[in-house]
Amino acid sequence: MAKQAKTAIKTKDQKAAAEAKNWTKVIRAVRSPKTGAYTFKETILHKDKVKQFLSQK
């Protein structure tokens, strides 16, 4: 039964699973002007907007 349940979950919503592949988690290192230490800015973006996000200062 467990194998059937896992298969049912996988095939249940294929449209949503296909749409989820279009999103990317982007992590960018940002240097603090005050201390000079690096912090990380994490966002989840659509794959078409990744280059635009990384090119921003």
C-alpha atoms as a PDB file:
ATOM      1  CA  MET A   1       0.000   0.000   0.000  1.00  0.00           C
ATOM      2  CA  ALA A   2       2.766   2.442   0.778  1.00  0.00           C
ATOM      3  CA  LYS A   3       4.138   2.205  -2.747  1.00  0.00           C
ATOM      4  CA  GLN A   4       0.744   2.974  -4.223  1.00  0.00           C
ATOM      5  CA  ALA A   5       0.326   6.026  -1.970  1.00  0.00           C
ATOM      6  CA  LYS A   6       3.719   7.421  -3.000  1.00  0.00           C
ATOM      7  CA  THR A   7       2.901   6.903  -6.677  1.00  0.00           C
ATOM      8  CA  ALA A   8      -0.480   8.551  -6.245  1.00  0.00           C
ATOM      9  CA  ILE A   9       1.148  11.614  -4.682  1.00  0.00           C
ATOM     10  CA  LYS A  10       3.680  11.866  -7.487  1.00  0.00           C
ATOM     11  CA  THR A  11       1.151  11.749 -10.295  1.00  0.00           C
ATOM     12  CA  LYS A  12      -1.632  13.598  -8.504  1.00  0.00           C
ATOM     13  CA  ASP A  13      -0.720  17.138  -9.517  1.00  0.00           C
ATOM     14  CA  GLN A  14       1.756  17.050 -12.386  1.00  0.00           C
ATOM     15  CA  LYS A  15       0.857  20.557 -13.539  1.00  0.00           C
ATOM     16  CA  ALA A  16       1.889  22.061 -10.194  1.00  0.00           C
ATOM     17  CA  ALA A  17       5.082  20.007 -10.192  1.00  0.00           C
ATOM     18  CA  ALA A  18       5.975  21.240 -13.670  1.00  0.00           C
ATOM     19  CA  GLU A  19       5.336  24.852 -12.630  1.00  0.00           C
ATOM     20  CA  ALA A  20       7.524  24.452  -9.533  1.00  0.00           C
ATOM     21  CA  LYS A  21      10.516  23.687 -11.739  1.00  0.00           C
ATOM     22  CA  ASN A  22      10.382  27.253 -13.070  1.00  0.00           C
ATOM     23  CA  TRP A  23      11.373  28.732  -9.682  1.00  0.00           C
ATOM     24  CA  THR A  24      14.927  29.024  -8.380  1.00  0.00           C
ATOM     25  CA  LYS A  25      16.416  29.847  -4.980  1.00  0.00           C
ATOM     26  CA  VAL A  26      19.077  32.522  -5.434  1.00  0.00           C
ATOM     27  CA  ILE A  27      21.661  33.266  -2.746  1.00  0.00           C
ATOM     28  CA  ARG A  28      23.704  36.440  -3.093  1.00  0.00           C
ATOM     29  CA  ALA A  29      26.593  37.614  -0.896  1.00  0.00           C
ATOM     30  CA  VAL A  30      26.240  41.247   0.172  1.00  0.00           C
ATOM     31  CA  ARG A  31      29.075  43.115   1.867  1.00  0.00           C
ATOM     32  CA  SER A  32      28.163  45.398   4.748  1.00  0.00           C
ATOM     33  CA  PRO A  33      29.598  48.897   4.260  1.00  0.00           C
ATOM     34  CA  LYS A  34      29.782  49.429   8.009  1.00  0.00           C
ATOM     35  CA  THR A  35      31.656  46.313   9.147  1.00  0.00           C
ATOM     36  CA  GLY A  36      32.925  44.813   5.900  1.00  0.00           C
ATOM     37  CA  ALA A  37      31.426  41.442   6.792  1.00  0.00           C
ATOM     38  CA  TYR A  38      29.436  39.473   4.257  1.00  0.00           C
ATOM     39  CA  THR A  39      25.791  38.583   4.713  1.00  0.00           C
ATOM     40  CA  PHE A  40      23.658  36.487   2.435  1.00  0.00           C
ATOM     41  CA  LYS A  41      20.412  37.531   0.796  1.00  0.00           C
ATOM     42  CA  GLU A  42      18.202  34.608  -0.196  1.00  0.00           C
ATOM     43  CA  THR A  43      15.180  34.884  -2.475  1.00  0.00           C
ATOM     44  CA  ILE A  44      13.070  32.578  -4.567  1.00  0.00           C
ATOM     45  CA  LEU A  45      12.621  33.921  -8.083  1.00  0.00           C
ATOM     46  CA  HIS A  46      11.202  32.832 -11.388  1.00  0.00           C
ATOM     47  CA  LYS A  47      13.994  31.470 -13.573  1.00  0.00           C
ATOM     48  CA  ASP A  48      13.545  34.309 -16.085  1.00  0.00           C
ATOM     49  CA  LYS A  49      14.433  36.980 -13.494  1.00  0.00           C
ATOM     50  CA  VAL A  50      17.614  35.455 -12.019  1.00  0.00           C
ATOM     51  CA  LYS A  51      20.089  37.394 -14.197  1.00  0.00           C
ATOM     52  CA  GLN A  52      18.276  40.657 -13.488  1.00  0.00           C
ATOM     53  CA  PHE A  53      18.471  40.021  -9.721  1.00  0.00           C
ATOM     54  CA  LEU A  54      22.164  39.151  -9.785  1.00  0.00           C
ATOM     55  CA  SER A  55      23.076  42.201 -11.888  1.00  0.00           C
ATOM     56  CA  GLN A  56      21.567  44.640  -9.339  1.00  0.00           C
ATOM     57  CA  LYS A  57      23.879  46.433  -6.943  1.00  0.00           C
END
